[in-house]
Amino acid sequence: PARFHGTREARGLTDDEPEQDLDTAVRFHQQRTVDNLLELRTRAPDIPWMPVLQGWTLQHYLDCLAMYTDAGIDLAAEP
């Protein structure tokens, strides 16, 4: 499987831990993206923050959409 290299610290990996596979790394970044949108909208509701879908494959994008839906964000209703 493909390996994702980069942002080890943000993903909580130490130097002696193996790299994550691409799917795991993508899910981590997708969840951080959704969480950050929620946080930004809470802290600065007057700014029109735009959600961003992240992924490398169609399934990644569909999974990201599901994360937004689970968080109560209807992307179809977004500008």
PDB file of N, CA and C in Angstrom:
ATOM      1  N   PRO A   1       0.827  -1.206   0.000  1.00  0.00           N
ATOM      2  CA  PRO A   1       0.000   0.000   0.000  1.00  0.00           C
ATOM      3  C   PRO A   1       0.864   1.260   0.000  1.00  0.00           C
ATOM      4  N   ALA A   2       0.298   2.312  -0.522  1.00  0.00           N
ATOM      5  CA  ALA A   2       1.006   3.597  -0.560  1.00  0.00           C
ATOM      6  C   ALA A   2       1.251   4.093   0.859  1.00  0.00           C
ATOM      7  N   ARG A   3       2.345   4.764   1.042  1.00  0.00           N
ATOM      8  CA  ARG A   3       2.684   5.337   2.346  1.00  0.00           C
ATOM      9  C   ARG A   3       2.630   6.845   2.246  1.00  0.00           C
ATOM     10  N   PHE A   4       2.202   7.472   3.308  1.00  0.00           N
ATOM     11  CA  PHE A   4       2.110   8.920   3.357  1.00  0.00           C
ATOM     12  C   PHE A   4       3.283   9.425   4.170  1.00  0.00           C
ATOM     13  N   HIS A   5       4.069  10.315   3.602  1.00  0.00           N
ATOM     14  CA  HIS A   5       5.220  10.883   4.302  1.00  0.00           C
ATOM     15  C   HIS A   5       4.984  12.371   4.507  1.00  0.00           C
ATOM     16  N   GLY A   6       5.098  12.801   5.716  1.00  0.00           N
ATOM     17  CA  GLY A   6       4.917  14.218   6.028  1.00  0.00           C
ATOM     18  C   GLY A   6       3.992  14.388   7.213  1.00  0.00           C
ATOM     19  N   THR A   7       4.094  15.507   7.852  1.00  0.00           N
ATOM     20  CA  THR A   7       3.256  15.899   8.996  1.00  0.00           C
ATOM     21  C   THR A   7       3.216  14.851  10.105  1.00  0.00           C
ATOM     22  N   ARG A   8       4.321  14.193  10.338  1.00  0.00           N
ATOM     23  CA  ARG A   8       4.369  13.170  11.392  1.00  0.00           C
ATOM     24  C   ARG A   8       3.970  13.746  12.745  1.00  0.00           C
ATOM     25  N   GLU A   9       4.486  14.909  13.056  1.00  0.00           N
ATOM     26  CA  GLU A   9       4.206  15.516  14.357  1.00  0.00           C
ATOM     27  C   GLU A   9       2.713  15.793  14.518  1.00  0.00           C
ATOM     28  N   ALA A  10       2.081  16.333  13.486  1.00  0.00           N
ATOM     29  CA  ALA A  10       0.652  16.638  13.557  1.00  0.00           C
ATOM     30  C   ALA A  10      -0.181  15.377  13.733  1.00  0.00           C
ATOM     31  N   ARG A  11       0.302  14.280  13.185  1.00  0.00           N
ATOM     32  CA  ARG A  11      -0.416  13.011  13.306  1.00  0.00           C
ATOM     33  C   ARG A  11      -0.047  12.256  14.575  1.00  0.00           C
ATOM     34  N   GLY A  12       0.816  12.836  15.397  1.00  0.00           N
ATOM     35  CA  GLY A  12       1.165  12.227  16.670  1.00  0.00           C
ATOM     36  C   GLY A  12       2.144  11.071  16.568  1.00  0.00           C
ATOM     37  N   LEU A  13       2.877  10.990  15.461  1.00  0.00           N
ATOM     38  CA  LEU A  13       3.843   9.904  15.286  1.00  0.00           C
ATOM     39  C   LEU A  13       5.222  10.347  15.757  1.00  0.00           C
ATOM     40  N   THR A  14       5.884   9.476  16.505  1.00  0.00           N
ATOM     41  CA  THR A  14       7.252   9.759  16.918  1.00  0.00           C
ATOM     42  C   THR A  14       8.213   9.213  15.867  1.00  0.00           C
ATOM     43  N   ASP A  15       9.478   9.574  15.993  1.00  0.00           N
ATOM     44  CA  ASP A  15      10.476   9.151  15.010  1.00  0.00           C
ATOM     45  C   ASP A  15      10.628   7.636  14.924  1.00  0.00           C
ATOM     46  N   ASP A  16      10.361   6.935  16.024  1.00  0.00           N
ATOM     47  CA  ASP A  16      10.554   5.485  16.005  1.00  0.00           C
ATOM     48  C   ASP A  16       9.309   4.710  15.573  1.00  0.00           C
ATOM     49  N   GLU A  17       8.218   5.400  15.263  1.00  0.00           N
ATOM     50  CA  GLU A  17       7.005   4.725  14.810  1.00  0.00           C
ATOM     51  C   GLU A  17       6.973   4.657  13.282  1.00  0.00           C
ATOM     52  N   PRO A  18       6.412   3.577  12.740  1.00  0.00           N
ATOM     53  CA  PRO A  18       6.342   3.465  11.280  1.00  0.00           C
ATOM     54  C   PRO A  18       5.344   4.458  10.695  1.00  0.00           C
ATOM     55  N   GLU A  19       5.538   4.765   9.419  1.00  0.00           N
ATOM     56  CA  GLU A  19       4.603   5.649   8.725  1.00  0.00           C
ATOM     57  C   GLU A  19       3.235   4.985   8.621  1.00  0.00           C
ATOM     58  N   GLN A  20       2.208   5.805   8.535  1.00  0.00           N
ATOM     59  CA  GLN A  20       0.857   5.302   8.333  1.00  0.00           C
ATOM     60  C   GLN A  20       0.640   5.032   6.849  1.00  0.00           C
ATOM     61  N   ASP A  21      -0.326   4.160   6.560  1.00  0.00           N
ATOM     62  CA  ASP A  21      -0.692   3.983   5.166  1.00  0.00           C
ATOM     63  C   ASP A  21      -1.475   5.219   4.722  1.00  0.00           C
ATOM     64  N   LEU A  22      -1.600   5.395   3.429  1.00  0.00           N
ATOM     65  CA  LEU A  22      -2.212   6.597   2.870  1.00  0.00           C
ATOM     66  C   LEU A  22      -3.643   6.788   3.359  1.00  0.00           C
ATOM     67  N   ASP A  23      -4.434   5.723   3.398  1.00  0.00           N
ATOM     68  CA  ASP A  23      -5.829   5.860   3.824  1.00  0.00           C
ATOM     69  C   ASP A  23      -5.937   6.377   5.255  1.00  0.00           C
ATOM     70  N   THR A  24      -5.100   5.872   6.144  1.00  0.00           N
ATOM     71  CA  THR A  24      -5.119   6.319   7.539  1.00  0.00           C
ATOM     72  C   THR A  24      -4.717   7.781   7.641  1.00  0.00           C
ATOM     73  N   ALA A  25      -3.681   8.168   6.918  1.00  0.00           N
ATOM     74  CA  ALA A  25      -3.227   9.560   6.945  1.00  0.00           C
ATOM     75  C   ALA A  25      -4.287  10.496   6.372  1.00  0.00           C
ATOM     76  N   VAL A  26      -4.930  10.091   5.286  1.00  0.00           N
ATOM     77  CA  VAL A  26      -5.976  10.925   4.685  1.00  0.00           C
ATOM     78  C   VAL A  26      -7.132  11.095   5.662  1.00  0.00           C
ATOM     79  N   ARG A  27      -7.573  10.009   6.298  1.00  0.00           N
ATOM     80  CA  ARG A  27      -8.672  10.101   7.278  1.00  0.00           C
ATOM     81  C   ARG A  27      -8.314  11.059   8.410  1.00  0.00           C
ATOM     82  N   PHE A  28      -7.078  10.980   8.874  1.00  0.00           N
ATOM     83  CA  PHE A  28      -6.638  11.877   9.944  1.00  0.00           C
ATOM     84  C   PHE A  28      -6.776  13.331   9.506  1.00  0.00           C
ATOM     85  N   HIS A  29      -6.277  13.645   8.317  1.00  0.00           N
ATOM     86  CA  HIS A  29      -6.326  15.031   7.834  1.00  0.00           C
ATOM     87  C   HIS A  29      -7.755  15.471   7.533  1.00  0.00           C
ATOM     88  N   GLN A  30      -8.570  14.572   7.043  1.00  0.00           N
ATOM     89  CA  GLN A  30      -9.972  14.907   6.801  1.00  0.00           C
ATOM     90  C   GLN A  30     -10.663  15.265   8.118  1.00  0.00           C
ATOM     91  N   GLN A  31     -10.448  14.455   9.142  1.00  0.00           N
ATOM     92  CA  GLN A  31     -11.103  14.727  10.421  1.00  0.00           C
ATOM     93  C   GLN A  31     -10.624  16.043  11.008  1.00  0.00           C
ATOM     94  N   ARG A  32      -9.340  16.327  10.885  1.00  0.00           N
ATOM     95  CA  ARG A  32      -8.828  17.620  11.368  1.00  0.00           C
ATOM     96  C   ARG A  32      -9.459  18.776  10.606  1.00  0.00           C
ATOM     97  N   THR A  33      -9.670  18.598   9.304  1.00  0.00           N
ATOM     98  CA  THR A  33     -10.277  19.641   8.484  1.00  0.00           C
ATOM     99  C   THR A  33     -11.706  19.915   8.930  1.00  0.00           C
ATOM    100  N   VAL A  34     -12.477  18.868   9.158  1.00  0.00           N
ATOM    101  CA  VAL A  34     -13.856  19.029   9.621  1.00  0.00           C
ATOM    102  C   VAL A  34     -13.867  19.667  11.007  1.00  0.00           C
ATOM    103  N   ASP A  35     -13.040  19.175  11.906  1.00  0.00           N
ATOM    104  CA  ASP A  35     -12.969  19.736  13.262  1.00  0.00           C
ATOM    105  C   ASP A  35     -12.568  21.209  13.231  1.00  0.00           C
ATOM    106  N   ASN A  36     -11.614  21.549  12.373  1.00  0.00           N
ATOM    107  CA  ASN A  36     -11.176  22.946  12.274  1.00  0.00           C
ATOM    108  C   ASN A  36     -12.286  23.845  11.759  1.00  0.00           C
ATOM    109  N   LEU A  37     -13.065  23.376  10.796  1.00  0.00           N
ATOM    110  CA  LEU A  37     -14.185  24.179  10.300  1.00  0.00           C
ATOM    111  C   LEU A  37     -15.177  24.456  11.428  1.00  0.00           C
ATOM    112  N   LEU A  38     -15.504  23.440  12.194  1.00  0.00           N
ATOM    113  CA  LEU A  38     -16.430  23.628  13.315  1.00  0.00           C
ATOM    114  C   LEU A  38     -15.877  24.638  14.317  1.00  0.00           C
ATOM    115  N   GLU A  39     -14.594  24.516  14.619  1.00  0.00           N
ATOM    116  CA  GLU A  39     -13.953  25.439  15.562  1.00  0.00           C
ATOM    117  C   GLU A  39     -13.948  26.866  15.023  1.00  0.00           C
ATOM    118  N   LEU A  40     -13.596  27.037  13.758  1.00  0.00           N
ATOM    119  CA  LEU A  40     -13.562  28.375  13.162  1.00  0.00           C
ATOM    120  C   LEU A  40     -14.943  29.009  13.141  1.00  0.00           C
ATOM    121  N   ARG A  41     -15.945  28.232  12.809  1.00  0.00           N
ATOM    122  CA  ARG A  41     -17.307  28.774  12.773  1.00  0.00           C
ATOM    123  C   ARG A  41     -17.807  29.136  14.169  1.00  0.00           C
ATOM    124  N   THR A  42     -17.301  28.460  15.177  1.00  0.00           N
ATOM    125  CA  THR A  42     -17.663  28.794  16.558  1.00  0.00           C
ATOM    126  C   THR A  42     -16.954  30.070  17.000  1.00  0.00           C
ATOM    127  N   ARG A  43     -15.684  30.175  16.678  1.00  0.00           N
ATOM    128  CA  ARG A  43     -14.885  31.326  17.114  1.00  0.00           C
ATOM    129  C   ARG A  43     -15.170  32.602  16.333  1.00  0.00           C
ATOM    130  N   ALA A  44     -15.485  32.460  15.063  1.00  0.00           N
ATOM    131  CA  ALA A  44     -15.699  33.638  14.210  1.00  0.00           C
ATOM    132  C   ALA A  44     -16.888  33.393  13.278  1.00  0.00           C
ATOM    133  N   PRO A  45     -18.094  33.376  13.846  1.00  0.00           N
ATOM    134  CA  PRO A  45     -19.275  33.065  13.036  1.00  0.00           C
ATOM    135  C   PRO A  45     -19.587  34.116  11.973  1.00  0.00           C
ATOM    136  N   ASP A  46     -19.011  35.295  12.101  1.00  0.00           N
ATOM    137  CA  ASP A  46     -19.257  36.363  11.128  1.00  0.00           C
ATOM    138  C   ASP A  46     -18.443  36.187   9.843  1.00  0.00           C
ATOM    139  N   ILE A  47     -17.486  35.273   9.850  1.00  0.00           N
ATOM    140  CA  ILE A  47     -16.671  35.012   8.661  1.00  0.00           C
ATOM    141  C   ILE A  47     -17.276  33.816   7.921  1.00  0.00           C
ATOM    142  N   PRO A  48     -17.465  33.939   6.610  1.00  0.00           N
ATOM    143  CA  PRO A  48     -18.076  32.837   5.854  1.00  0.00           C
ATOM    144  C   PRO A  48     -17.075  31.717   5.529  1.00  0.00           C
ATOM    145  N   TRP A  49     -16.732  30.917   6.514  1.00  0.00           N
ATOM    146  CA  TRP A  49     -15.779  29.823   6.325  1.00  0.00           C
ATOM    147  C   TRP A  49     -16.341  28.806   5.338  1.00  0.00           C
ATOM    148  N   MET A  50     -15.519  28.347   4.422  1.00  0.00           N
ATOM    149  CA  MET A  50     -15.958  27.392   3.413  1.00  0.00           C
ATOM    150  C   MET A  50     -15.388  26.005   3.699  1.00  0.00           C
ATOM    151  N   PRO A  51     -16.245  24.995   3.718  1.00  0.00           N
ATOM    152  CA  PRO A  51     -15.754  23.625   3.899  1.00  0.00           C
ATOM    153  C   PRO A  51     -14.892  23.197   2.709  1.00  0.00           C
ATOM    154  N   VAL A  52     -13.958  22.308   2.978  1.00  0.00           N
ATOM    155  CA  VAL A  52     -13.072  21.793   1.931  1.00  0.00           C
ATOM    156  C   VAL A  52     -13.098  20.267   1.990  1.00  0.00           C
ATOM    157  N   LEU A  53     -13.345  19.644   0.841  1.00  0.00           N
ATOM    158  CA  LEU A  53     -13.244  18.188   0.747  1.00  0.00           C
ATOM    159  C   LEU A  53     -11.793  17.828   0.473  1.00  0.00           C
ATOM    160  N   GLN A  54     -11.313  16.784   1.144  1.00  0.00           N
ATOM    161  CA  GLN A  54      -9.939  16.339   0.936  1.00  0.00           C
ATOM    162  C   GLN A  54      -9.925  14.866   0.573  1.00  0.00           C
ATOM    163  N   GLY A  55      -8.961  14.484  -0.239  1.00  0.00           N
ATOM    164  CA  GLY A  55      -8.802  13.079  -0.572  1.00  0.00           C
ATOM    165  C   GLY A  55      -7.881  12.874  -1.752  1.00  0.00           C
ATOM    166  N   TRP A  56      -7.603  11.607  -2.028  1.00  0.00           N
ATOM    167  CA  TRP A  56      -6.771  11.219  -3.166  1.00  0.00           C
ATOM    168  C   TRP A  56      -7.581  10.380  -4.143  1.00  0.00           C
ATOM    169  N   THR A  57      -8.639   9.744  -3.648  1.00  0.00           N
ATOM    170  CA  THR A  57      -9.471   8.880  -4.484  1.00  0.00           C
ATOM    171  C   THR A  57     -10.925   9.293  -4.312  1.00  0.00           C
ATOM    172  N   LEU A  58     -11.784   8.806  -5.201  1.00  0.00           N
ATOM    173  CA  LEU A  58     -13.213   9.093  -5.076  1.00  0.00           C
ATOM    174  C   LEU A  58     -13.726   8.651  -3.708  1.00  0.00           C
ATOM    175  N   GLN A  59     -13.316   7.474  -3.261  1.00  0.00           N
ATOM    176  CA  GLN A  59     -13.781   6.987  -1.959  1.00  0.00           C
ATOM    177  C   GLN A  59     -13.339   7.908  -0.829  1.00  0.00           C
ATOM    178  N   HIS A  60     -12.139   8.458  -0.907  1.00  0.00           N
ATOM    179  CA  HIS A  60     -11.690   9.413   0.110  1.00  0.00           C
ATOM    180  C   HIS A  60     -12.629  10.615   0.159  1.00  0.00           C
ATOM    181  N   TYR A  61     -12.993  11.141  -1.016  1.00  0.00           N
ATOM    182  CA  TYR A  61     -13.881  12.305  -1.057  1.00  0.00           C
ATOM    183  C   TYR A  61     -15.263  11.961  -0.502  1.00  0.00           C
ATOM    184  N   LEU A  62     -15.768  10.780  -0.807  1.00  0.00           N
ATOM    185  CA  LEU A  62     -17.060  10.355  -0.265  1.00  0.00           C
ATOM    186  C   LEU A  62     -16.982  10.187   1.253  1.00  0.00           C
ATOM    187  N   ASP A  63     -15.874   9.657   1.734  1.00  0.00           N
ATOM    188  CA  ASP A  63     -15.676   9.519   3.183  1.00  0.00           C
ATOM    189  C   ASP A  63     -15.627  10.886   3.858  1.00  0.00           C
ATOM    190  N   CYS A  64     -14.973  11.842   3.217  1.00  0.00           N
ATOM    191  CA  CYS A  64     -14.886  13.195   3.769  1.00  0.00           C
ATOM    192  C   CYS A  64     -16.278  13.826   3.821  1.00  0.00           C
ATOM    193  N   LEU A  65     -17.056  13.633   2.764  1.00  0.00           N
ATOM    194  CA  LEU A  65     -18.436  14.117   2.750  1.00  0.00           C
ATOM    195  C   LEU A  65     -19.215  13.536   3.927  1.00  0.00           C
ATOM    196  N   ALA A  66     -19.042  12.248   4.180  1.00  0.00           N
ATOM    197  CA  ALA A  66     -19.723  11.595   5.301  1.00  0.00           C
ATOM    198  C   ALA A  66     -19.294  12.193   6.642  1.00  0.00           C
ATOM    199  N   MET A  67     -18.026  12.557   6.776  1.00  0.00           N
ATOM    200  CA  MET A  67     -17.558  13.185   8.020  1.00  0.00           C
ATOM    201  C   MET A  67     -18.262  14.515   8.256  1.00  0.00           C
ATOM    202  N   TYR A  68     -18.413  15.306   7.193  1.00  0.00           N
ATOM    203  CA  TYR A  68     -19.138  16.572   7.327  1.00  0.00           C
ATOM    204  C   TYR A  68     -20.592  16.310   7.709  1.00  0.00           C
ATOM    205  N   THR A  69     -21.219  15.344   7.059  1.00  0.00           N
ATOM    206  CA  THR A  69     -22.610  15.012   7.357  1.00  0.00           C
ATOM    207  C   THR A  69     -22.749  14.576   8.810  1.00  0.00           C
ATOM    208  N   ASP A  70     -21.844  13.720   9.269  1.00  0.00           N
ATOM    209  CA  ASP A  70     -21.869  13.264  10.665  1.00  0.00           C
ATOM    210  C   ASP A  70     -21.683  14.414  11.645  1.00  0.00           C
ATOM    211  N   ALA A  71     -20.984  15.462  11.211  1.00  0.00           N
ATOM    212  CA  ALA A  71     -20.753  16.636  12.065  1.00  0.00           C
ATOM    213  C   ALA A  71     -21.908  17.634  11.979  1.00  0.00           C
ATOM    214  N   GLY A  72     -22.940  17.297  11.190  1.00  0.00           N
ATOM    215  CA  GLY A  72     -24.100  18.180  11.088  1.00  0.00           C
ATOM    216  C   GLY A  72     -23.981  19.255  10.024  1.00  0.00           C
ATOM    217  N   ILE A  73     -23.034  19.100   9.112  1.00  0.00           N
ATOM    218  CA  ILE A  73     -22.833  20.089   8.054  1.00  0.00           C
ATOM    219  C   ILE A  73     -23.354  19.513   6.740  1.00  0.00           C
ATOM    220  N   ASP A  74     -24.346  20.191   6.165  1.00  0.00           N
ATOM    221  CA  ASP A  74     -24.930  19.781   4.892  1.00  0.00           C
ATOM    222  C   ASP A  74     -24.209  20.527   3.779  1.00  0.00           C
ATOM    223  N   LEU A  75     -23.286  19.857   3.108  1.00  0.00           N
ATOM    224  CA  LEU A  75     -22.496  20.531   2.078  1.00  0.00           C
ATOM    225  C   LEU A  75     -23.354  21.006   0.910  1.00  0.00           C
ATOM    226  N   ALA A  76     -24.473  20.359   0.661  1.00  0.00           N
ATOM    227  CA  ALA A  76     -25.363  20.796  -0.423  1.00  0.00           C
ATOM    228  C   ALA A  76     -25.988  22.151  -0.112  1.00  0.00           C
ATOM    229  N   ALA A  77     -26.063  22.506   1.157  1.00  0.00           N
ATOM    230  CA  ALA A  77     -26.650  23.783   1.568  1.00  0.00           C
ATOM    231  C   ALA A  77     -25.607  24.893   1.669  1.00  0.00           C
ATOM    232  N   GLU A  78     -24.342  24.540   1.480  1.00  0.00           N
ATOM    233  CA  GLU A  78     -23.269  25.537   1.564  1.00  0.00           C
ATOM    234  C   GLU A  78     -23.213  26.352   0.277  1.00  0.00           C
ATOM    235  N   PRO A  79     -22.746  27.605   0.363  1.00  0.00           N
ATOM    236  CA  PRO A  79     -22.645  28.425  -0.861  1.00  0.00           C
ATOM    237  C   PRO A  79     -21.617  27.881  -1.842  1.00  0.00           C
TER     238      PRO A  79
END
